[in-house]
């Protein structure tokens, strides 16, 4: 995956150094400025860079023989463990117990490496479950916002392209959402790869008999207009791509604001 990403970046003219987390961060900082779209492109590319990376995991050093595997890539250190107040995570409690034993302050815990590894695996499972709950909770509350105040319109930047759908980063609200081709009024869509660069060619149905079908190319870093709408299912929302000919037209929020202004003038 990292080799494919390197090839994609080369094809896009983006010089990236993946040798370390520090080098990667410097590459991202050099590439982009501080304007809104530069920051969005940086976030999209950061998201792409994170996909090949394995999540950091707890493990017992006594069962992993290759010390090269001990390295923490993101922090760029050869050895790392938590050492915070042991009031939240069981992993912190284990670290404190082992450190106390190493300093001669306490007797070594009577736990074999295999048993300690099982405890580490359990900590990994709980940590991932907690992270997933946090993400779902944020999505749930945002769905409530969309339901109560939507539909919401925003520019979005494409961060992933599949053969039947594509993912976007909604710039105004900072959420990621997948847009499915079969939910759009398309005449056809076609997926292809130009080197390592994925592309979706969308052909929109004309809105009137006099119009010609509109073609739209969707690729990574494309800027598009999307609408977030609440679904009939409880506390869910979806993203819909706006027809490329309607970007400059007033959206629901703009029309409501204009109506209020007209009422005040009257």
Protein backbone atom coordinates (compact mmCIF):
# COMPACT_ATOMS: atom_id res chain seq x y z
CA UNK A 1 0.00 0.00 0.00
CA UNK A 2 2.82 2.39 0.82
CA UNK A 3 4.53 1.66 -2.50
CA UNK A 4 1.28 2.38 -4.36
CA UNK A 5 0.89 5.65 -2.43
CA UNK A 6 4.48 6.63 -3.23
CA UNK A 7 3.82 5.98 -6.93
CA UNK A 8 0.57 7.97 -6.77
CA UNK A 9 2.33 10.93 -5.13
CA UNK A 10 5.09 10.83 -7.77
CA UNK A 11 2.45 10.80 -10.50
CA UNK A 12 0.69 13.80 -8.91
CA UNK A 13 3.99 15.71 -8.59
CA UNK A 14 3.99 15.49 -4.80
CA UNK A 15 7.49 14.74 -3.45
CA UNK A 16 6.95 12.70 -0.29
CA UNK A 17 9.52 11.18 2.08
CA UNK A 18 8.10 8.18 3.98
CA UNK A 19 11.36 7.20 5.70
CA UNK A 20 10.11 8.41 9.09
CA UNK A 21 7.16 10.18 10.64
CA UNK A 22 9.23 13.34 10.98
CA UNK A 23 10.25 13.26 7.31
CA UNK A 24 6.62 12.65 6.31
CA UNK A 25 5.43 15.62 8.37
CA UNK A 26 8.09 17.86 6.79
CA UNK A 27 6.96 16.73 3.33
CA UNK A 28 3.35 17.59 4.11
CA UNK A 29 4.30 20.98 5.57
CA UNK A 30 6.45 21.88 2.55
CA UNK A 31 3.79 20.94 0.02
CA UNK A 32 0.89 23.04 1.21
CA UNK A 33 0.24 26.57 2.42
CA UNK A 34 -2.16 27.87 5.05
CA UNK A 35 -5.22 28.71 2.95
CA UNK A 36 -8.43 26.68 3.37
CA UNK A 37 -7.92 24.48 0.32
CA UNK A 38 -4.25 23.83 1.07
CA UNK A 39 -5.20 22.68 4.56
CA UNK A 40 -7.93 20.47 3.06
CA UNK A 41 -5.46 18.90 0.61
CA UNK A 42 -3.05 18.33 3.48
CA UNK A 43 -5.79 16.60 5.50
CA UNK A 44 -6.75 14.46 2.51
CA UNK A 45 -3.15 13.42 1.89
CA UNK A 46 -2.62 12.79 5.61
CA UNK A 47 -5.65 10.51 5.54
CA UNK A 48 -4.18 8.64 2.55
CA UNK A 49 -0.83 8.29 4.33
CA UNK A 50 -2.47 6.86 7.45
CA UNK A 51 -4.21 4.01 5.60
CA UNK A 52 -1.09 1.83 5.11
CA UNK A 53 -0.03 2.36 8.72
CA UNK A 54 -0.78 -0.17 11.42
CA UNK A 55 -2.35 1.17 14.58
CA UNK A 56 -0.01 1.25 17.57
CA UNK A 57 -0.52 -1.81 19.77
CA UNK A 58 0.35 -2.97 23.26
CA UNK A 59 2.56 -6.05 23.36
CA UNK A 60 4.82 -7.98 25.70
CA UNK A 61 8.45 -7.54 24.69
CA UNK A 62 9.16 -11.06 25.93
CA UNK A 63 7.17 -12.66 23.07
CA UNK A 64 8.38 -10.47 20.18
CA UNK A 65 11.92 -11.35 19.19
CA UNK A 66 12.61 -8.77 16.48
CA UNK A 67 13.40 -5.48 18.24
CA UNK A 68 12.92 -3.59 14.97
CA UNK A 69 9.22 -4.26 15.55
CA UNK A 70 9.40 -2.35 18.84
CA UNK A 71 9.77 1.00 17.03
CA UNK A 72 6.94 3.51 17.23
CA UNK A 73 6.72 4.96 13.71
CA UNK A 74 4.55 8.02 14.42
CA UNK A 75 6.66 9.14 17.40
CA UNK A 76 9.89 8.01 15.67
CA UNK A 77 11.36 6.40 18.78
CA UNK A 78 12.85 2.88 19.15
CA UNK A 79 11.11 2.13 22.48
CA UNK A 80 7.89 3.57 23.83
CA UNK A 81 5.30 2.79 26.46
CA UNK A 82 2.61 4.70 28.34
CA UNK A 83 3.63 6.18 31.65
CA UNK A 84 0.66 8.23 32.76
CA UNK A 85 -1.26 8.13 36.01
CA UNK A 86 -2.63 4.57 36.28
CA UNK A 87 -6.24 5.58 36.86
CA UNK A 88 -7.73 5.07 33.38
CA UNK A 89 -6.01 2.25 31.50
CA UNK A 90 -5.10 -1.20 32.68
CA UNK A 91 -2.06 -1.03 30.40
CA UNK A 92 -0.74 1.87 32.52
CA UNK A 93 -1.20 -0.20 35.66
CA UNK A 94 0.87 -3.03 34.11
CA UNK A 95 3.62 -0.56 33.12
CA UNK A 96 3.78 0.84 36.66
CA UNK A 97 3.95 -2.65 38.16
CA UNK A 98 6.76 -3.72 35.81
CA UNK A 99 8.69 -0.48 36.36
CA UNK A 100 8.38 -0.85 40.13
CA UNK A 101 9.76 -4.39 39.80
CA UNK A 102 12.62 -3.19 37.56
CA UNK A 103 13.57 -0.57 40.19
CA UNK A 104 13.44 -3.15 42.96
CA UNK A 105 10.57 -1.35 44.61
CA UNK A 106 8.18 -4.28 44.23
CA UNK A 107 8.41 -7.98 43.54
CA UNK A 108 8.07 -8.90 39.84
CA UNK A 109 4.44 -9.73 39.00
CA UNK A 110 3.96 -13.46 38.75
CA UNK A 111 2.84 -13.37 35.13
CA UNK A 112 4.38 -15.38 32.31
CA UNK A 113 5.07 -13.57 28.99
CA UNK A 114 2.27 -15.45 27.20
CA UNK A 115 -0.24 -14.47 29.88
CA UNK A 116 0.98 -10.87 29.76
CA UNK A 117 0.54 -10.89 25.97
CA UNK A 118 -3.07 -12.01 26.39
CA UNK A 119 -3.64 -9.06 28.71
CA UNK A 120 -2.03 -6.79 26.10
CA UNK A 121 -4.34 -8.23 23.41
CA UNK A 122 -7.33 -7.52 25.62
CA UNK A 123 -6.14 -3.91 26.12
CA UNK A 124 -5.83 -3.54 22.33
CA UNK A 125 -9.38 -4.83 21.81
CA UNK A 126 -10.83 -2.49 24.44
CA UNK A 127 -8.90 0.49 23.08
CA UNK A 128 -10.16 -0.11 19.53
CA UNK A 129 -13.71 -0.58 20.79
CA UNK A 130 -13.47 2.69 22.74
CA UNK A 131 -12.17 4.52 19.67
CA UNK A 132 -15.00 3.12 17.57
CA UNK A 133 -17.62 4.20 20.12
CA UNK A 134 -16.12 7.70 20.19
CA UNK A 135 -16.32 7.96 16.39
CA UNK A 136 -19.89 6.64 16.28
CA UNK A 137 -20.93 9.03 19.06
CA UNK A 138 -19.58 12.03 17.12
CA UNK A 139 -21.37 10.81 13.99
CA UNK A 140 -24.59 10.35 15.96
CA UNK A 141 -24.59 13.89 17.33
CA UNK A 142 -23.79 15.35 13.91
CA UNK A 143 -26.71 13.38 12.45
CA UNK A 144 -28.95 15.09 15.02
CA UNK A 145 -27.59 18.46 13.86
CA UNK A 146 -28.34 17.62 10.21
CA UNK A 147 -31.84 16.46 11.11
CA UNK A 148 -32.68 19.57 13.12
CA UNK A 149 -31.02 22.24 10.93
CA UNK A 150 -30.46 20.62 7.53
CA UNK A 151 -30.18 20.12 4.70
CA UNK A 152 -26.63 21.52 4.89
CA UNK A 153 -24.58 22.54 1.86
CA UNK A 154 -20.81 22.78 1.66
CA UNK A 155 -17.82 22.43 -0.59
CA UNK A 156 -16.06 19.11 -0.23
CA UNK A 157 -12.78 17.63 -1.36
CA UNK A 158 -12.51 14.10 -2.73
CA UNK A 159 -10.19 11.90 -0.66
CA UNK A 160 -10.88 8.45 -2.14
CA UNK A 161 -12.33 7.04 -5.37
CA UNK A 162 -13.91 3.59 -5.76
CA UNK A 163 -15.57 1.97 -8.78
CA UNK A 164 -19.13 2.75 -7.60
CA UNK A 165 -18.62 5.54 -5.06
CA UNK A 166 -16.21 8.13 -3.72
CA UNK A 167 -15.34 9.60 -0.32
CA UNK A 168 -15.28 13.31 0.45
CA UNK A 169 -14.10 15.59 3.24
CA UNK A 170 -16.89 18.12 3.85
CA UNK A 171 -14.89 21.31 4.35
CA UNK A 172 -17.36 23.39 6.34
CA UNK A 173 -18.10 20.68 8.91
CA UNK A 174 -14.94 18.56 8.87
CA UNK A 175 -16.77 15.24 8.41
CA UNK A 176 -16.01 12.46 5.94
CA UNK A 177 -18.81 10.88 3.94
CA UNK A 178 -19.20 8.39 1.09
CA UNK A 179 -21.26 9.33 -1.98
CA UNK A 180 -22.74 6.47 -4.02
CA UNK A 181 -23.20 6.74 -7.76
CA UNK A 182 -26.53 4.86 -7.67
CA UNK A 183 -27.97 7.63 -5.47
CA UNK A 184 -27.33 10.27 -8.16
CA UNK A 185 -29.38 11.03 -11.30
CA UNK A 186 -26.68 9.77 -13.65
CA UNK A 187 -26.97 8.48 -17.17
CA UNK A 188 -23.81 6.45 -16.65
CA UNK A 189 -20.55 6.31 -14.71
CA UNK A 190 -17.19 4.81 -15.58
CA UNK A 191 -14.23 3.98 -13.34
CA UNK A 192 -10.64 3.83 -14.53
CA UNK A 193 -7.11 4.14 -13.23
CA UNK A 194 -4.58 6.40 -14.88
CA UNK A 195 -1.41 4.90 -13.45
CA UNK A 196 -2.16 4.83 -9.74
CA UNK A 197 -4.63 7.71 -10.00
CA UNK A 198 -8.28 6.52 -9.76
CA UNK A 199 -10.94 8.41 -11.69
CA UNK A 200 -14.72 8.29 -11.94
CA UNK A 201 -16.34 9.74 -15.05
CA UNK A 202 -19.93 10.77 -14.24
CA UNK A 203 -22.43 11.51 -16.99
CA UNK A 204 -25.41 13.43 -15.57
CA UNK A 205 -28.93 13.19 -16.93
CA UNK A 206 -29.96 16.55 -18.48
CA UNK A 207 -32.27 18.59 -16.26
CA UNK A 208 -34.28 19.75 -19.31
CA UNK A 209 -34.87 18.36 -22.80
CA UNK A 210 -32.85 21.19 -24.33
CA UNK A 211 -29.71 20.48 -22.33
CA UNK A 212 -26.91 18.08 -23.17
CA UNK A 213 -25.65 15.49 -20.66
CA UNK A 214 -22.96 16.98 -18.39
CA UNK A 215 -19.74 15.08 -17.79
CA UNK A 216 -17.88 15.37 -14.51
CA UNK A 217 -14.53 13.79 -13.62
CA UNK A 218 -14.09 12.82 -9.97
CA UNK A 219 -10.55 12.22 -8.76
CA UNK A 220 -8.58 12.74 -5.56
CA UNK A 221 -8.35 16.46 -4.56
CA UNK A 222 -11.38 17.34 -6.75
CA UNK A 223 -13.53 20.11 -5.27
CA UNK A 224 -17.27 19.38 -5.40
CA UNK A 225 -20.49 20.74 -3.89
CA UNK A 226 -22.44 18.41 -1.61
CA UNK A 227 -25.68 18.46 0.34
CA UNK A 228 -26.03 16.65 3.68
CA UNK A 229 -29.57 15.38 4.27
CA UNK A 230 -31.16 13.49 7.14
CA UNK A 231 -32.33 9.98 6.24
CA UNK A 232 -35.62 8.42 7.23
CA UNK A 233 -33.70 5.88 9.27
CA UNK A 234 -33.20 7.03 12.84
CA UNK A 235 -30.30 9.45 13.29
CA UNK A 236 -28.55 8.85 10.00
CA UNK A 237 -27.59 11.26 7.25
CA UNK A 238 -26.26 10.96 3.72
CA UNK A 239 -24.22 13.13 1.36
CA UNK A 240 -25.51 13.91 -2.13
CA UNK A 241 -23.41 15.44 -4.89
CA UNK A 242 -24.93 18.56 -6.41
CA UNK A 243 -25.38 18.71 -10.16
CA UNK A 244 -22.24 20.47 -11.53
CA UNK A 245 -24.40 23.17 -13.13
CA UNK A 246 -25.95 24.31 -9.84
CA UNK A 247 -22.91 25.29 -7.75
CA UNK A 248 -23.61 29.01 -7.98
CA UNK A 249 -27.33 28.79 -7.24
CA UNK A 250 -28.63 29.71 -3.77
CA UNK A 251 -29.06 26.73 -1.48
CA UNK A 252 -31.81 26.17 1.12
CA UNK A 253 -29.99 28.16 3.79
CA UNK A 254 -29.31 31.05 1.39
CA UNK A 255 -32.95 31.13 0.26
CA UNK A 256 -34.20 31.12 3.87
CA UNK A 257 -31.90 34.01 4.73
CA UNK A 258 -33.03 35.95 1.65
CA UNK A 259 -36.69 35.34 2.50
CA UNK A 260 -36.14 36.70 6.02
CA UNK A 261 -34.45 39.82 4.57
CA UNK A 262 -37.39 40.38 2.19
CA UNK A 263 -39.84 40.08 5.12
CA UNK A 264 -37.87 42.65 7.12
CA UNK A 265 -37.85 45.07 4.18
CA UNK A 266 -41.62 44.68 3.78
